[in-house]
C-alpha atoms as a PDB file:
ATOM      1  CA  MET A   1      75.509 137.476 163.259  1.00  0.00           C
ATOM      2  CA  ASP A   2      75.437 134.044 161.730  1.00  0.00           C
ATOM      3  CA  PHE A   3      71.680 133.737 162.360  1.00  0.00           C
ATOM      4  CA  LEU A   4      71.099 137.104 160.696  1.00  0.00           C
ATOM      5  CA  LEU A   5      72.967 135.936 157.573  1.00  0.00           C
ATOM      6  CA  VAL A   6      70.962 132.699 157.459  1.00  0.00           C
ATOM      7  CA  VAL A   7      67.682 134.633 157.767  1.00  0.00           C
ATOM      8  CA  ALA A   8      68.798 137.094 155.106  1.00  0.00           C
ATOM      9  CA  SER A   9      69.768 134.263 152.793  1.00  0.00           C
ATOM     10  CA  ILE A  10      66.351 132.640 153.177  1.00  0.00           C
ATOM     11  CA  ILE A  11      64.630 135.899 152.513  1.00  0.00           C
ATOM     12  CA  VAL A  12      66.725 136.526 149.373  1.00  0.00           C
ATOM     13  CA  ALA A  13      66.034 133.015 148.096  1.00  0.00           C
ATOM     14  CA  GLY A  14      62.309 133.237 148.947  1.00  0.00           C
ATOM     15  CA  SER A  15      61.741 136.653 147.386  1.00  0.00           C
ATOM     16  CA  ALA A  16      63.647 135.653 144.237  1.00  0.00           C
ATOM     17  CA  ALA A  17      61.648 132.431 143.923  1.00  0.00           C
ATOM     18  CA  GLY A  18      58.353 134.182 144.556  1.00  0.00           C
ATOM     19  CA  THR A  19      59.132 136.868 142.003  1.00  0.00           C
ATOM     20  CA  PHE A  20      60.096 134.258 139.430  1.00  0.00           C
ATOM     21  CA  LEU A  21      56.827 132.381 139.951  1.00  0.00           C
ATOM     22  CA  VAL A  22      54.831 135.555 139.408  1.00  0.00           C
ATOM     23  CA  VAL A  23      56.672 137.112 136.455  1.00  0.00           C
ATOM     24  CA  ARG A  24      57.476 133.980 134.492  1.00  0.00           C
ATOM     25  CA  THR A  25      54.150 134.177 132.632  1.00  0.00           C
ATOM     26  CA  ASP A  26      54.854 137.811 131.539  1.00  0.00           C
ATOM     27  CA  LEU A  27      58.526 137.536 130.650  1.00  0.00           C
ATOM     28  CA  ARG A  28      60.820 135.118 128.851  1.00  0.00           C
ATOM     29  CA  ARG A  29      63.030 132.922 130.979  1.00  0.00           C
ATOM     30  CA  GLY A  30      66.148 135.074 130.804  1.00  0.00           C
ATOM     31  CA  PRO A  31      64.593 138.354 131.769  1.00  0.00           C
ATOM     32  CA  ALA A  32      62.403 136.597 134.422  1.00  0.00           C
ATOM     33  CA  VAL A  33      65.560 135.188 136.064  1.00  0.00           C
ATOM     34  CA  ALA A  34      67.241 138.633 135.929  1.00  0.00           C
ATOM     35  CA  VAL A  35      64.208 140.365 137.499  1.00  0.00           C
ATOM     36  CA  SER A  36      64.030 137.716 140.168  1.00  0.00           C
ATOM     37  CA  ALA A  37      67.735 137.952 141.000  1.00  0.00           C
ATOM     38  CA  GLY A  38      67.549 141.755 141.101  1.00  0.00           C
ATOM     39  CA  THR A  39      64.513 141.616 143.368  1.00  0.00           C
ATOM     40  CA  GLY A  40      66.184 139.149 145.713  1.00  0.00           C
ATOM     41  CA  LEU A  41      69.294 141.343 145.872  1.00  0.00           C
ATOM     42  CA  VAL A  42      67.301 144.516 146.675  1.00  0.00           C
ATOM     43  CA  VAL A  43      65.145 142.839 149.294  1.00  0.00           C
ATOM     44  CA  GLY A  44      68.206 141.252 150.860  1.00  0.00           C
ATOM     45  CA  LEU A  45      70.004 144.578 151.043  1.00  0.00           C
ATOM     46  CA  LEU A  46      66.925 146.272 152.451  1.00  0.00           C
ATOM     47  CA  PHE A  47      66.628 143.512 155.016  1.00  0.00           C
ATOM     48  CA  PHE A  48      69.874 144.662 156.625  1.00  0.00           C
ATOM     49  CA  LEU A  49      68.525 148.208 156.884  1.00  0.00           C
ATOM     50  CA  VAL A  50      64.992 147.687 158.149  1.00  0.00           C
ATOM     51  CA  VAL A  51      64.980 144.002 159.056  1.00  0.00           C
ATOM     52  CA  TYR A  52      61.470 142.417 158.888  1.00  0.00           C
ATOM     53  CA  LEU A  53      59.858 145.437 157.131  1.00  0.00           C
ATOM     54  CA  ALA A  54      61.740 144.486 153.977  1.00  0.00           C
ATOM     55  CA  VAL A  55      59.506 141.440 153.669  1.00  0.00           C
ATOM     56  CA  VAL A  56      56.432 143.699 154.180  1.00  0.00           C
ATOM     57  CA  ALA A  57      57.720 146.012 151.339  1.00  0.00           C
ATOM     58  CA  TYR A  58      58.258 142.996 149.111  1.00  0.00           C
ATOM     59  CA  LEU A  59      54.775 141.558 149.798  1.00  0.00           C
ATOM     60  CA  ALA A  60      53.189 144.987 149.131  1.00  0.00           C
ATOM     61  CA  ALA A  61      54.971 145.156 145.824  1.00  0.00           C
ATOM     62  CA  LEU A  62      54.037 141.616 144.840  1.00  0.00           C
ATOM     63  CA  PHE A  63      50.426 142.196 145.792  1.00  0.00           C
ATOM     64  CA  ALA A  64      50.348 145.460 143.801  1.00  0.00           C
ATOM     65  CA  TYR A  65      51.910 143.758 140.772  1.00  0.00           C
ATOM     66  CA  VAL A  66      49.400 140.835 140.842  1.00  0.00           C
ATOM     67  CA  ILE A  67      46.359 143.099 141.200  1.00  0.00           C
ATOM     68  CA  VAL A  68      47.405 145.616 138.572  1.00  0.00           C
ATOM     69  CA  ARG A  69      48.510 142.852 136.162  1.00  0.00           C
ATOM     70  CA  ARG A  70      45.001 141.565 136.077  1.00  0.00           C
ATOM     71  CA  LEU A  71      43.694 144.941 135.089  1.00  0.00           C
ATOM     72  CA  TRP A  72      46.374 146.361 132.814  1.00  0.00           C
ATOM     73  CA  SER A  73      49.581 145.430 131.092  1.00  0.00           C
ATOM     74  CA  ALA A  74      52.743 143.840 132.540  1.00  0.00           C
ATOM     75  CA  ARG A  75      54.641 147.125 132.154  1.00  0.00           C
ATOM     76  CA  VAL A  76      52.100 149.137 134.210  1.00  0.00           C
ATOM     77  CA  ALA A  77      52.025 146.298 136.782  1.00  0.00           C
ATOM     78  CA  ALA A  78      55.879 146.343 137.044  1.00  0.00           C
ATOM     79  CA  LEU A  79      55.940 150.084 137.565  1.00  0.00           C
ATOM     80  CA  THR A  80      53.189 149.877 140.140  1.00  0.00           C
ATOM     81  CA  GLY A  81      55.003 147.104 141.980  1.00  0.00           C
ATOM     82  CA  LEU A  82      58.194 149.185 141.928  1.00  0.00           C
ATOM     83  CA  ALA A  83      56.420 152.204 143.230  1.00  0.00           C
ATOM     84  CA  ALA A  84      54.761 150.243 146.001  1.00  0.00           C
ATOM     85  CA  PHE A  85      58.049 148.698 147.006  1.00  0.00           C
ATOM     86  CA  GLY A  86      59.751 152.071 147.061  1.00  0.00           C
ATOM     87  CA  ALA A  87      56.977 153.757 149.054  1.00  0.00           C
ATOM     88  CA  VAL A  88      56.796 151.013 151.668  1.00  0.00           C
ATOM     89  CA  ALA A  89      60.571 150.817 151.872  1.00  0.00           C
ATOM     90  CA  VAL A  90      60.959 154.630 152.421  1.00  0.00           C
ATOM     91  CA  ALA A  91      58.181 154.522 154.990  1.00  0.00           C
ATOM     92  CA  SER A  92      59.912 151.614 156.752  1.00  0.00           C
ATOM     93  CA  VAL A  93      63.156 153.507 156.857  1.00  0.00           C
ATOM     94  CA  ALA A  94      61.335 156.537 158.311  1.00  0.00           C
ATOM     95  CA  VAL A  95      59.708 154.404 160.982  1.00  0.00           C
ATOM     96  CA  PHE A  96      63.061 152.899 161.976  1.00  0.00           C
ATOM     97  CA  ALA A  97      64.691 156.334 162.026  1.00  0.00           C
ATOM     98  CA  VAL A  98      62.002 157.681 164.329  1.00  0.00           C
ATOM     99  CA  ALA A  99      62.207 154.630 166.546  1.00  0.00           C
ATOM    100  CA  LEU A 100      65.948 154.873 166.852  1.00  0.00           C
ATOM    101  CA  SER A 101      65.916 158.607 167.474  1.00  0.00           C
ATOM    102  CA  THR A 102      63.538 158.227 170.409  1.00  0.00           C
ATOM    103  CA  MET A 103      65.484 155.529 172.151  1.00  0.00           C
END
């Protein structure tokens, strides 16, 4: 259990830091820190539900944000990143549910 908490802490810190590095150009310092902390919290909580697929969902959201940000505004990019994170997270939970039901 201790190892799981250490890994979760690293994932929370990494996702928060990665988010801050990406959104700091679009937001002021205060909102960027708030978004980063919220992202770290959500990814950390999702990690306990679907383990490694939380990182996949986070990377999909970050990738969607960066691509859409180059084409449109920061608001559209944030909504797209949120939608990508939600879609991959729901798909990950579904995969885990099917895997556990067939064990």
